PDB file of N, CA and C in Angstrom:
ATOM      1  N   UNK A   1     121.483 123.169 101.450  1.00  0.00           N
ATOM      2  CA  UNK A   1     120.398 122.209 101.499  1.00  0.00           C
ATOM      3  C   UNK A   1     120.757 120.996 100.648  1.00  0.00           C
ATOM      4  N   UNK A   2     120.442 119.809 101.176  1.00  0.00           N
ATOM      5  CA  UNK A   2     120.778 118.568 100.474  1.00  0.00           C
ATOM      6  C   UNK A   2     119.882 118.349  99.269  1.00  0.00           C
ATOM      7  N   UNK A   3     120.470 117.753  98.276  1.00  0.00           N
ATOM      8  CA  UNK A   3     119.752 117.375  97.076  1.00  0.00           C
ATOM      9  C   UNK A   3     118.857 116.186  97.417  1.00  0.00           C
ATOM     10  N   UNK A   4     117.635 116.160  96.911  1.00  0.00           N
ATOM     11  CA  UNK A   4     116.693 115.074  97.203  1.00  0.00           C
ATOM     12  C   UNK A   4     117.258 113.726  96.795  1.00  0.00           C
ATOM     13  N   UNK A   5     118.003 113.698  95.707  1.00  0.00           N
ATOM     14  CA  UNK A   5     118.613 112.455  95.245  1.00  0.00           C
ATOM     15  C   UNK A   5     119.578 111.915  96.296  1.00  0.00           C
ATOM     16  N   UNK A   6     120.371 112.783  96.906  1.00  0.00           N
ATOM     17  CA  UNK A   6     121.314 112.361  97.939  1.00  0.00           C
ATOM     18  C   UNK A   6     120.591 111.858  99.190  1.00  0.00           C
ATOM     19  N   UNK A   7     119.501 112.486  99.521  1.00  0.00           N
ATOM     20  CA  UNK A   7     118.716 112.071 100.687  1.00  0.00           C
ATOM     21  C   UNK A   7     118.141 110.676 100.458  1.00  0.00           C
ATOM     22  N   UNK A   8     117.559 110.469  99.283  1.00  0.00           N
ATOM     23  CA  UNK A   8     116.963 109.171  98.963  1.00  0.00           C
ATOM     24  C   UNK A   8     118.036 108.082  98.968  1.00  0.00           C
ATOM     25  N   UNK A   9     119.176 108.350  98.376  1.00  0.00           N
ATOM     26  CA  UNK A   9     120.272 107.373  98.382  1.00  0.00           C
ATOM     27  C   UNK A   9     120.698 107.038  99.800  1.00  0.00           C
ATOM     28  N   UNK A  10     120.785 108.040 100.644  1.00  0.00           N
ATOM     29  CA  UNK A  10     121.164 107.816 102.039  1.00  0.00           C
ATOM     30  C   UNK A  10     120.160 106.950 102.775  1.00  0.00           C
ATOM     31  N   UNK A  11     118.883 107.214 102.555  1.00  0.00           N
ATOM     32  CA  UNK A  11     117.829 106.426 103.203  1.00  0.00           C
ATOM     33  C   UNK A  11     117.892 104.974 102.724  1.00  0.00           C
ATOM     34  N   UNK A  12     118.030 104.774 101.425  1.00  0.00           N
ATOM     35  CA  UNK A  12     118.104 103.420 100.871  1.00  0.00           C
ATOM     36  C   UNK A  12     119.333 102.694 101.404  1.00  0.00           C
ATOM     37  N   UNK A  13     120.437 103.375 101.478  1.00  0.00           N
ATOM     38  CA  UNK A  13     121.667 102.774 102.000  1.00  0.00           C
ATOM     39  C   UNK A  13     121.470 102.343 103.451  1.00  0.00           C
ATOM     40  N   UNK A  14     120.843 103.183 104.266  1.00  0.00           N
ATOM     41  CA  UNK A  14     120.603 102.842 105.667  1.00  0.00           C
ATOM     42  C   UNK A  14     119.681 101.641 105.799  1.00  0.00           C
ATOM     43  N   UNK A  15     118.645 101.581 104.987  1.00  0.00           N
ATOM     44  CA  UNK A  15     117.716 100.457 105.029  1.00  0.00           C
ATOM     45  C   UNK A  15     118.439  99.172 104.635  1.00  0.00           C
ATOM     46  N   UNK A  16     119.242  99.237 103.596  1.00  0.00           N
ATOM     47  CA  UNK A  16     119.962  98.054 103.118  1.00  0.00           C
ATOM     48  C   UNK A  16     120.945  97.544 104.168  1.00  0.00           C
ATOM     49  N   UNK A  17     121.547  98.437 104.917  1.00  0.00           N
ATOM     50  CA  UNK A  17     122.514  98.033 105.932  1.00  0.00           C
ATOM     51  C   UNK A  17     121.831  97.434 107.155  1.00  0.00           C
ATOM     52  N   UNK A  18     120.625  97.864 107.444  1.00  0.00           N
ATOM     53  CA  UNK A  18     119.921  97.389 108.627  1.00  0.00           C
ATOM     54  C   UNK A  18     119.454  95.945 108.490  1.00  0.00           C
ATOM     55  N   UNK A  19     118.926  95.588 107.336  1.00  0.00           N
ATOM     56  CA  UNK A  19     118.357  94.259 107.168  1.00  0.00           C
ATOM     57  C   UNK A  19     119.038  93.563 105.991  1.00  0.00           C
ATOM     58  N   UNK A  20     119.848  92.546 106.288  1.00  0.00           N
ATOM     59  CA  UNK A  20     120.507  91.848 105.185  1.00  0.00           C
ATOM     60  C   UNK A  20     119.489  91.085 104.335  1.00  0.00           C
ATOM     61  N   UNK A  21     119.772  90.978 103.056  1.00  0.00           N
ATOM     62  CA  UNK A  21     118.892  90.224 102.175  1.00  0.00           C
ATOM     63  C   UNK A  21     119.019  88.740 102.501  1.00  0.00           C
ATOM     64  N   UNK A  22     118.062  87.964 102.052  1.00  0.00           N
ATOM     65  CA  UNK A  22     118.123  86.523 102.287  1.00  0.00           C
ATOM     66  C   UNK A  22     119.370  85.919 101.662  1.00  0.00           C
ATOM     67  N   UNK A  23     119.773  86.423 100.493  1.00  0.00           N
ATOM     68  CA  UNK A  23     120.979  85.880  99.849  1.00  0.00           C
ATOM     69  C   UNK A  23     122.207  86.178 100.700  1.00  0.00           C
ATOM     70  N   UNK A  24     122.304  87.382 101.243  1.00  0.00           N
ATOM     71  CA  UNK A  24     123.434  87.726 102.112  1.00  0.00           C
ATOM     72  C   UNK A  24     123.435  86.865 103.362  1.00  0.00           C
ATOM     73  N   UNK A  25     122.263  86.660 103.931  1.00  0.00           N
ATOM     74  CA  UNK A  25     122.130  85.827 105.125  1.00  0.00           C
ATOM     75  C   UNK A  25     122.523  84.385 104.800  1.00  0.00           C
ATOM     76  N   UNK A  26     122.120  83.910 103.639  1.00  0.00           N
ATOM     77  CA  UNK A  26     122.475  82.563 103.199  1.00  0.00           C
ATOM     78  C   UNK A  26     123.987  82.433 103.028  1.00  0.00           C
ATOM     79  N   UNK A  27     124.602  83.400 102.372  1.00  0.00           N
ATOM     80  CA  UNK A  27     126.058  83.384 102.166  1.00  0.00           C
ATOM     81  C   UNK A  27     126.786  83.332 103.511  1.00  0.00           C
ATOM     82  N   UNK A  28     126.359  84.183 104.429  1.00  0.00           N
ATOM     83  CA  UNK A  28     127.005  84.242 105.740  1.00  0.00           C
ATOM     84  C   UNK A  28     126.838  82.926 106.497  1.00  0.00           C
ATOM     85  N   UNK A  29     125.640  82.370 106.481  1.00  0.00           N
ATOM     86  CA  UNK A  29     125.376  81.113 107.180  1.00  0.00           C
ATOM     87  C   UNK A  29     126.154  79.961 106.552  1.00  0.00           C
ATOM     88  N   UNK A  30     126.204  79.929 105.223  1.00  0.00           N
ATOM     89  CA  UNK A  30     126.946  78.882 104.515  1.00  0.00           C
ATOM     90  C   UNK A  30     128.415  78.899 104.933  1.00  0.00           C
ATOM     91  N   UNK A  31     128.989  80.076 105.025  1.00  0.00           N
ATOM     92  CA  UNK A  31     130.395  80.193 105.434  1.00  0.00           C
ATOM     93  C   UNK A  31     130.603  79.746 106.882  1.00  0.00           C
ATOM     94  N   UNK A  32     129.603  79.949 107.716  1.00  0.00           N
ATOM     95  CA  UNK A  32     129.710  79.579 109.119  1.00  0.00           C
ATOM     96  C   UNK A  32     129.615  78.069 109.342  1.00  0.00           C
ATOM     97  N   UNK A  33     128.801  77.383 108.546  1.00  0.00           N
ATOM     98  CA  UNK A  33     128.567  75.968 108.809  1.00  0.00           C
ATOM     99  C   UNK A  33     129.574  75.041 108.125  1.00  0.00           C
ATOM    100  N   UNK A  34     130.331  75.554 107.174  1.00  0.00           N
ATOM    101  CA  UNK A  34     131.343  74.741 106.504  1.00  0.00           C
ATOM    102  C   UNK A  34     132.724  75.043 107.062  1.00  0.00           C
ATOM    103  N   UNK A  35     133.600  74.050 106.952  1.00  0.00           N
ATOM    104  CA  UNK A  35     134.993  74.338 107.318  1.00  0.00           C
ATOM    105  C   UNK A  35     135.692  75.012 106.138  1.00  0.00           C
ATOM    106  N   UNK A  36     136.879  75.486 106.358  1.00  0.00           N
ATOM    107  CA  UNK A  36     137.597  76.259 105.345  1.00  0.00           C
ATOM    108  C   UNK A  36     137.812  75.457 104.058  1.00  0.00           C
ATOM    109  N   UNK A  37     138.135  74.197 104.197  1.00  0.00           N
ATOM    110  CA  UNK A  37     138.385  73.362 103.027  1.00  0.00           C
ATOM    111  C   UNK A  37     137.101  73.168 102.212  1.00  0.00           C
ATOM    112  N   UNK A  38     135.980  72.945 102.881  1.00  0.00           N
ATOM    113  CA  UNK A  38     134.706  72.785 102.180  1.00  0.00           C
ATOM    114  C   UNK A  38     134.308  74.072 101.472  1.00  0.00           C
ATOM    115  N   UNK A  39     134.516  75.201 102.132  1.00  0.00           N
ATOM    116  CA  UNK A  39     134.176  76.492 101.512  1.00  0.00           C
ATOM    117  C   UNK A  39     134.978  76.731 100.241  1.00  0.00           C
ATOM    118  N   UNK A  40     136.221  76.279 100.230  1.00  0.00           N
ATOM    119  CA  UNK A  40     137.084  76.494  99.064  1.00  0.00           C
ATOM    120  C   UNK A  40     136.592  75.742  97.828  1.00  0.00           C
ATOM    121  N   UNK A  41     135.763  74.723  98.029  1.00  0.00           N
ATOM    122  CA  UNK A  41     135.305  73.895  96.914  1.00  0.00           C
ATOM    123  C   UNK A  41     133.844  74.120  96.549  1.00  0.00           C
ATOM    124  N   UNK A  42     133.201  75.113  97.176  1.00  0.00           N
ATOM    125  CA  UNK A  42     131.777  75.353  96.919  1.00  0.00           C
ATOM    126  C   UNK A  42     131.485  76.822  96.680  1.00  0.00           C
ATOM    127  N   UNK A  43     130.362  77.059  96.026  1.00  0.00           N
ATOM    128  CA  UNK A  43     129.888  78.423  95.811  1.00  0.00           C
ATOM    129  C   UNK A  43     128.379  78.395  95.591  1.00  0.00           C
ATOM    130  N   UNK A  44     127.660  79.237  96.305  1.00  0.00           N
ATOM    131  CA  UNK A  44     126.214  79.340  96.113  1.00  0.00           C
ATOM    132  C   UNK A  44     125.976  79.999  94.756  1.00  0.00           C
ATOM    133  N   UNK A  45     125.170  79.357  93.932  1.00  0.00           N
ATOM    134  CA  UNK A  45     124.904  79.920  92.608  1.00  0.00           C
ATOM    135  C   UNK A  45     123.473  80.407  92.447  1.00  0.00           C
ATOM    136  N   UNK A  46     122.557  79.850  93.265  1.00  0.00           N
ATOM    137  CA  UNK A  46     121.167  80.289  93.118  1.00  0.00           C
ATOM    138  C   UNK A  46     120.376  79.994  94.385  1.00  0.00           C
ATOM    139  N   UNK A  47     119.496  80.926  94.714  1.00  0.00           N
ATOM    140  CA  UNK A  47     118.556  80.742  95.824  1.00  0.00           C
ATOM    141  C   UNK A  47     117.228  81.287  95.342  1.00  0.00           C
ATOM    142  N   UNK A  48     116.322  80.361  95.010  1.00  0.00           N
ATOM    143  CA  UNK A  48     115.033  80.777  94.464  1.00  0.00           C
ATOM    144  C   UNK A  48     113.955  79.781  94.869  1.00  0.00           C
ATOM    145  N   UNK A  49     112.823  80.310  95.258  1.00  0.00           N
ATOM    146  CA  UNK A  49     111.654  79.522  95.632  1.00  0.00           C
ATOM    147  C   UNK A  49     111.996  78.438  96.655  1.00  0.00           C
ATOM    148  N   UNK A  50     112.815  78.797  97.631  1.00  0.00           N
ATOM    149  CA  UNK A  50     113.161  77.880  98.709  1.00  0.00           C
ATOM    150  C   UNK A  50     114.231  76.863  98.373  1.00  0.00           C
ATOM    151  N   UNK A  51     114.747  76.905  97.152  1.00  0.00           N
ATOM    152  CA  UNK A  51     115.760  75.947  96.716  1.00  0.00           C
ATOM    153  C   UNK A  51     117.123  76.627  96.623  1.00  0.00           C
ATOM    154  N   UNK A  52     118.131  75.968  97.169  1.00  0.00           N
ATOM    155  CA  UNK A  52     119.502  76.492  97.137  1.00  0.00           C
ATOM    156  C   UNK A  52     120.326  75.576  96.244  1.00  0.00           C
ATOM    157  N   UNK A  53     120.994  76.184  95.262  1.00  0.00           N
ATOM    158  CA  UNK A  53     121.856  75.446  94.341  1.00  0.00           C
ATOM    159  C   UNK A  53     123.294  75.825  94.624  1.00  0.00           C
ATOM    160  N   UNK A  54     124.132  74.805  94.830  1.00  0.00           N
ATOM    161  CA  UNK A  54     125.530  74.997  95.182  1.00  0.00           C
ATOM    162  C   UNK A  54     126.403  74.391  94.086  1.00  0.00           C
ATOM    163  N   UNK A  55     127.325  75.200  93.540  1.00  0.00           N
ATOM    164  CA  UNK A  55     128.316  74.677  92.600  1.00  0.00           C
ATOM    165  C   UNK A  55     129.441  74.050  93.421  1.00  0.00           C
ATOM    166  N   UNK A  56     129.870  72.879  92.997  1.00  0.00           N
ATOM    167  CA  UNK A  56     130.936  72.147  93.673  1.00  0.00           C
ATOM    168  C   UNK A  56     131.947  71.762  92.601  1.00  0.00           C
ATOM    169  N   UNK A  57     133.234  71.920  92.914  1.00  0.00           N
ATOM    170  CA  UNK A  57     134.246  71.792  91.867  1.00  0.00           C
ATOM    171  C   UNK A  57     134.700  70.369  91.522  1.00  0.00           C
ATOM    172  N   UNK A  58     134.190  69.336  92.207  1.00  0.00           N
ATOM    173  CA  UNK A  58     134.577  67.976  91.839  1.00  0.00           C
ATOM    174  C   UNK A  58     133.525  66.975  92.312  1.00  0.00           C
ATOM    175  N   UNK A  59     133.450  65.830  91.639  1.00  0.00           N
ATOM    176  CA  UNK A  59     132.506  64.795  92.061  1.00  0.00           C
ATOM    177  C   UNK A  59     132.776  64.294  93.487  1.00  0.00           C
ATOM    178  N   UNK A  60     134.034  64.246  93.870  1.00  0.00           N
ATOM    179  CA  UNK A  60     134.377  63.792  95.225  1.00  0.00           C
ATOM    180  C   UNK A  60     133.776  64.717  96.282  1.00  0.00           C
ATOM    181  N   UNK A  61     133.813  66.016  96.031  1.00  0.00           N
ATOM    182  CA  UNK A  61     133.236  66.965  96.981  1.00  0.00           C
ATOM    183  C   UNK A  61     131.712  66.925  96.946  1.00  0.00           C
ATOM    184  N   UNK A  62     131.128  66.669  95.794  1.00  0.00           N
ATOM    185  CA  UNK A  62     129.670  66.507  95.726  1.00  0.00           C
ATOM    186  C   UNK A  62     129.273  65.328  96.617  1.00  0.00           C
ATOM    187  N   UNK A  63     129.996  64.226  96.507  1.00  0.00           N
ATOM    188  CA  UNK A  63     129.706  63.051  97.331  1.00  0.00           C
ATOM    189  C   UNK A  63     129.848  63.383  98.820  1.00  0.00           C
ATOM    190  N   UNK A  64     130.952  64.018  99.190  1.00  0.00           N
ATOM    191  CA  UNK A  64     131.191  64.347 100.597  1.00  0.00           C
ATOM    192  C   UNK A  64     130.101  65.258 101.152  1.00  0.00           C
ATOM    193  N   UNK A  65     129.689  66.245 100.385  1.00  0.00           N
ATOM    194  CA  UNK A  65     128.659  67.173 100.840  1.00  0.00           C
ATOM    195  C   UNK A  65     127.280  66.517 100.878  1.00  0.00           C
ATOM    196  N   UNK A  66     127.028  65.608  99.948  1.00  0.00           N
ATOM    197  CA  UNK A  66     125.756  64.876  99.978  1.00  0.00           C
ATOM    198  C   UNK A  66     125.639  64.019 101.235  1.00  0.00           C
ATOM    199  N   UNK A  67     126.766  63.536 101.727  1.00  0.00           N
ATOM    200  CA  UNK A  67     126.759  62.762 102.966  1.00  0.00           C
ATOM    201  C   UNK A  67     126.341  63.632 104.153  1.00  0.00           C
ATOM    202  N   UNK A  68     126.607  64.925 104.080  1.00  0.00           N
ATOM    203  CA  UNK A  68     126.284  65.867 105.155  1.00  0.00           C
ATOM    204  C   UNK A  68     125.029  66.685 104.857  1.00  0.00           C
ATOM    205  N   UNK A  69     124.360  66.384 103.769  1.00  0.00           N
ATOM    206  CA  UNK A  69     123.268  67.214 103.274  1.00  0.00           C
ATOM    207  C   UNK A  69     122.179  67.455 104.322  1.00  0.00           C
ATOM    208  N   UNK A  70     121.751  66.430 105.013  1.00  0.00           N
ATOM    209  CA  UNK A  70     120.702  66.585 106.020  1.00  0.00           C
ATOM    210  C   UNK A  70     121.109  67.561 107.119  1.00  0.00           C
ATOM    211  N   UNK A  71     122.315  67.419 107.599  1.00  0.00           N
ATOM    212  CA  UNK A  71     122.824  68.306 108.660  1.00  0.00           C
ATOM    213  C   UNK A  71     122.968  69.733 108.141  1.00  0.00           C
ATOM    214  N   UNK A  72     123.493  69.881 106.928  1.00  0.00           N
ATOM    215  CA  UNK A  72     123.658  71.214 106.344  1.00  0.00           C
ATOM    216  C   UNK A  72     122.313  71.900 106.155  1.00  0.00           C
ATOM    217  N   UNK A  73     121.342  71.157 105.653  1.00  0.00           N
ATOM    218  CA  UNK A  73     120.011  71.715 105.431  1.00  0.00           C
ATOM    219  C   UNK A  73     119.378  72.152 106.754  1.00  0.00           C
ATOM    220  N   UNK A  74     119.537  71.339 107.769  1.00  0.00           N
ATOM    221  CA  UNK A  74     119.007  71.683 109.095  1.00  0.00           C
ATOM    222  C   UNK A  74     119.636  72.973 109.626  1.00  0.00           C
ATOM    223  N   UNK A  75     120.954  73.099 109.475  1.00  0.00           N
ATOM    224  CA  UNK A  75     121.644  74.299 109.955  1.00  0.00           C
ATOM    225  C   UNK A  75     121.239  75.536 109.154  1.00  0.00           C
ATOM    226  N   UNK A  76     121.054  75.387 107.860  1.00  0.00           N
ATOM    227  CA  UNK A  76     120.614  76.513 107.037  1.00  0.00           C
ATOM    228  C   UNK A  76     119.207  76.951 107.424  1.00  0.00           C
ATOM    229  N   UNK A  77     118.340  75.983 107.687  1.00  0.00           N
ATOM    230  CA  UNK A  77     116.953  76.288 108.050  1.00  0.00           C
ATOM    231  C   UNK A  77     116.838  77.017 109.387  1.00  0.00           C
ATOM    232  N   UNK A  78     117.818  76.859 110.253  1.00  0.00           N
ATOM    233  CA  UNK A  78     117.790  77.583 111.521  1.00  0.00           C
ATOM    234  C   UNK A  78     117.857  79.083 111.285  1.00  0.00           C
ATOM    235  N   UNK A  79     118.556  79.508 110.260  1.00  0.00           N
ATOM    236  CA  UNK A  79     118.679  80.922 109.933  1.00  0.00           C
ATOM    237  C   UNK A  79     117.663  81.372 108.893  1.00  0.00           C
ATOM    238  N   UNK A  80     117.332  80.478 107.971  1.00  0.00           N
ATOM    239  CA  UNK A  80     116.392  80.792 106.888  1.00  0.00           C
ATOM    240  C   UNK A  80     115.369  79.662 106.770  1.00  0.00           C
ATOM    241  N   UNK A  81     114.313  79.707 107.567  1.00  0.00           N
ATOM    242  CA  UNK A  81     113.322  78.627 107.577  1.00  0.00           C
ATOM    243  C   UNK A  81     112.643  78.372 106.228  1.00  0.00           C
ATOM    244  N   UNK A  82     112.690  79.340 105.331  1.00  0.00           N
ATOM    245  CA  UNK A  82     112.035  79.163 104.035  1.00  0.00           C
ATOM    246  C   UNK A  82     112.805  78.241 103.088  1.00  0.00           C
ATOM    247  N   UNK A  83     114.001  77.829 103.455  1.00  0.00           N
ATOM    248  CA  UNK A  83     114.775  76.913 102.622  1.00  0.00           C
ATOM    249  C   UNK A  83     114.108  75.538 102.654  1.00  0.00           C
ATOM    250  N   UNK A  84     113.821  75.010 101.469  1.00  0.00           N
ATOM    251  CA  UNK A  84     113.153  73.712 101.355  1.00  0.00           C
ATOM    252  C   UNK A  84     114.078  72.626 100.829  1.00  0.00           C
ATOM    253  N   UNK A  85     115.068  73.027 100.030  1.00  0.00           N
ATOM    254  CA  UNK A  85     115.934  72.027  99.432  1.00  0.00           C
ATOM    255  C   UNK A  85     117.342  72.539  99.190  1.00  0.00           C
ATOM    256  N   UNK A  86     118.267  71.618  99.137  1.00  0.00           N
ATOM    257  CA  UNK A  86     119.677  71.929  98.927  1.00  0.00           C
ATOM    258  C   UNK A  86     120.172  70.992  97.830  1.00  0.00           C
ATOM    259  N   UNK A  87     120.738  71.575  96.769  1.00  0.00           N
ATOM    260  CA  UNK A  87     121.147  70.795  95.599  1.00  0.00           C
ATOM    261  C   UNK A  87     122.605  71.108  95.262  1.00  0.00           C
ATOM    262  N   UNK A  88     123.378  70.068  95.014  1.00  0.00           N
ATOM    263  CA  UNK A  88     124.780  70.226  94.620  1.00  0.00           C
ATOM    264  C   UNK A  88     124.931  69.840  93.159  1.00  0.00           C
ATOM    265  N   UNK A  89     125.733  70.630  92.442  1.00  0.00           N
ATOM    266  CA  UNK A  89     126.017  70.298  91.045  1.00  0.00           C
ATOM    267  C   UNK A  89     127.462  70.662  90.737  1.00  0.00           C
ATOM    268  N   UNK A  90     128.037  69.913  89.826  1.00  0.00           N
ATOM    269  CA  UNK A  90     129.412  70.179  89.411  1.00  0.00           C
ATOM    270  C   UNK A  90     129.428  71.512  88.669  1.00  0.00           C
ATOM    271  N   UNK A  91     130.351  72.377  89.047  1.00  0.00           N
ATOM    272  CA  UNK A  91     130.431  73.672  88.400  1.00  0.00           C
ATOM    273  C   UNK A  91     131.698  74.400  88.785  1.00  0.00           C
ATOM    274  N   UNK A  92     131.863  75.539  88.173  1.00  0.00           N
ATOM    275  CA  UNK A  92     133.040  76.367  88.419  1.00  0.00           C
ATOM    276  C   UNK A  92     132.868  77.110  89.751  1.00  0.00           C
ATOM    277  N   UNK A  93     133.903  77.039  90.569  1.00  0.00           N
ATOM    278  CA  UNK A  93     133.910  77.728  91.851  1.00  0.00           C
ATOM    279  C   UNK A  93     134.998  78.788  91.782  1.00  0.00           C
ATOM    280  N   UNK A  94     134.596  80.019  92.036  1.00  0.00           N
ATOM    281  CA  UNK A  94     135.556  81.129  91.950  1.00  0.00           C
ATOM    282  C   UNK A  94     135.978  81.583  93.313  1.00  0.00           C
TER     283      UNK A  94
END
């Protein structure tokens, strides 16, 4: 007979696999809408209260992404309508 702890873990694991979290959905969508070079210079650092904060590794990339901000926000909203704003800041990208 299975241990109740193992059963609960299995159920939680199945639930987690069925429905991705908003952060996972955001990460996946972000990777889809950017090209490889843009992805290499950005990293999502926070998603809270409808606001998405993106770390960008140089001022030049912040400028380039700000030029595309409206289009990026529109594409993100197609997958996550609760997104209200997109913010870029200089930061470390890993």
